[in-house]
């Protein structure tokens, strides 16, 4: 857990959630009799294109950026009832009382 915090510059809550999500993906693969070591976040087809390096320059950079964006597309963060929700991500709704000018 501490190693992940340092590598990805995340606090412990995000690391806990990432570990939980990874365990969920692994369990899902096992239930489907798939090989969990072959899971590629960001898409296998994009990864394979990058791995072949059949393109260069701007096209390669664009493809790599697209793959990285697909890998980073989701935020997974759980709340804790004892802490009144999530300490990293919180949505608060305020009642609009109208303009008083």
Protein backbone atom coordinates (compact mmCIF):
# COMPACT_ATOMS: atom_id res chain seq x y z
CA UNK A 1 0.00 0.00 0.00
CA UNK A 2 2.78 2.46 0.92
CA UNK A 3 4.67 1.63 -2.25
CA UNK A 4 1.62 2.43 -4.39
CA UNK A 5 1.16 5.72 -2.56
CA UNK A 6 4.70 6.73 -3.51
CA UNK A 7 4.64 5.46 -7.08
CA UNK A 8 1.34 7.10 -8.02
CA UNK A 9 1.37 10.01 -5.54
CA UNK A 10 -2.02 9.03 -4.05
CA UNK A 11 -3.34 9.16 -0.53
CA UNK A 12 -4.21 5.95 1.32
CA UNK A 13 -7.95 6.18 0.59
CA UNK A 14 -7.43 6.21 -3.17
CA UNK A 15 -4.90 3.37 -2.91
CA UNK A 16 -7.36 1.28 -0.85
CA UNK A 17 -10.04 1.84 -3.50
CA UNK A 18 -7.64 1.00 -6.35
CA UNK A 19 -6.65 -2.24 -4.61
CA UNK A 20 -10.30 -3.13 -4.09
CA UNK A 21 -11.07 -2.44 -7.76
CA UNK A 22 -8.09 -4.54 -8.92
CA UNK A 23 -9.20 -7.44 -6.71
CA UNK A 24 -12.67 -7.16 -8.23
CA UNK A 25 -11.26 -7.34 -11.77
CA UNK A 26 -9.12 -10.35 -10.86
CA UNK A 27 -12.07 -12.16 -9.30
CA UNK A 28 -14.21 -11.43 -12.36
CA UNK A 29 -11.54 -12.88 -14.64
CA UNK A 30 -11.30 -16.03 -12.53
CA UNK A 31 -15.08 -16.49 -12.59
CA UNK A 32 -15.03 -16.29 -16.40
CA UNK A 33 -12.04 -18.69 -16.62
CA UNK A 34 -9.95 -15.93 -18.18
CA UNK A 35 -6.27 -15.35 -17.53
CA UNK A 36 -6.05 -12.34 -15.17
CA UNK A 37 -2.42 -11.72 -16.10
CA UNK A 38 -3.62 -10.69 -19.57
CA UNK A 39 -5.85 -7.83 -18.37
CA UNK A 40 -4.82 -4.56 -20.03
CA UNK A 41 -6.35 -1.34 -18.78
CA UNK A 42 -6.79 1.12 -21.62
CA UNK A 43 -7.65 -1.45 -24.24
CA UNK A 44 -5.77 -4.37 -25.71
CA UNK A 45 -5.99 -3.20 -29.33
CA UNK A 46 -4.42 0.18 -28.56
CA UNK A 47 -1.75 -1.48 -26.43
CA UNK A 48 -0.90 -3.94 -29.22
CA UNK A 49 -0.58 -1.10 -31.73
CA UNK A 50 1.77 0.74 -29.40
CA UNK A 51 3.79 -2.41 -28.73
CA UNK A 52 4.38 -3.07 -32.44
CA UNK A 53 5.76 0.47 -32.89
CA UNK A 54 4.78 0.41 -36.55
CA UNK A 55 4.16 4.16 -36.46
CA UNK A 56 6.44 7.00 -35.46
CA UNK A 57 6.39 10.66 -34.59
CA UNK A 58 3.15 12.53 -34.02
CA UNK A 59 0.92 9.56 -34.86
CA UNK A 60 2.66 7.43 -32.21
CA UNK A 61 2.43 10.20 -29.61
CA UNK A 62 -1.28 10.68 -30.38
CA UNK A 63 -1.95 6.94 -30.06
CA UNK A 64 -0.02 6.77 -26.79
CA UNK A 65 -1.91 9.75 -25.41
CA UNK A 66 -5.25 8.15 -26.34
CA UNK A 67 -4.24 4.91 -24.60
CA UNK A 68 -3.13 6.78 -21.47
CA UNK A 69 -6.40 8.76 -21.39
CA UNK A 70 -8.42 5.55 -21.62
CA UNK A 71 -6.41 4.14 -18.71
CA UNK A 72 -7.12 7.20 -16.57
CA UNK A 73 -10.77 7.62 -17.46
CA UNK A 74 -12.41 6.48 -14.24
CA UNK A 75 -12.41 7.72 -10.70
CA UNK A 76 -13.34 5.14 -8.11
CA UNK A 77 -13.76 6.41 -4.60
CA UNK A 78 -15.89 4.98 -1.79
CA UNK A 79 -17.42 6.76 1.14
CA UNK A 80 -17.42 5.84 4.80
CA UNK A 81 -20.57 6.28 6.87
CA UNK A 82 -18.58 6.88 10.05
CA UNK A 83 -16.84 9.81 8.34
CA UNK A 84 -20.06 11.20 6.81
CA UNK A 85 -19.19 10.18 3.27
CA UNK A 86 -16.02 10.32 1.24
CA UNK A 87 -13.17 12.49 2.47
CA UNK A 88 -11.68 12.92 -1.01
CA UNK A 89 -14.80 13.49 -3.07
CA UNK A 90 -17.87 15.09 -1.63
CA UNK A 91 -20.94 16.55 -3.31
CA UNK A 92 -22.85 19.04 -1.26
CA UNK A 93 -26.18 20.53 -2.28
CA UNK A 94 -27.12 23.97 -1.08
CA UNK A 95 -30.65 25.25 -1.25
CA UNK A 96 -30.93 28.26 -3.54
CA UNK A 97 -32.82 31.01 -1.73
CA UNK A 98 -32.97 33.42 -4.63
CA UNK A 99 -31.36 36.77 -5.29
CA UNK A 100 -31.75 39.41 -2.64
CA UNK A 101 -30.57 42.65 -4.06
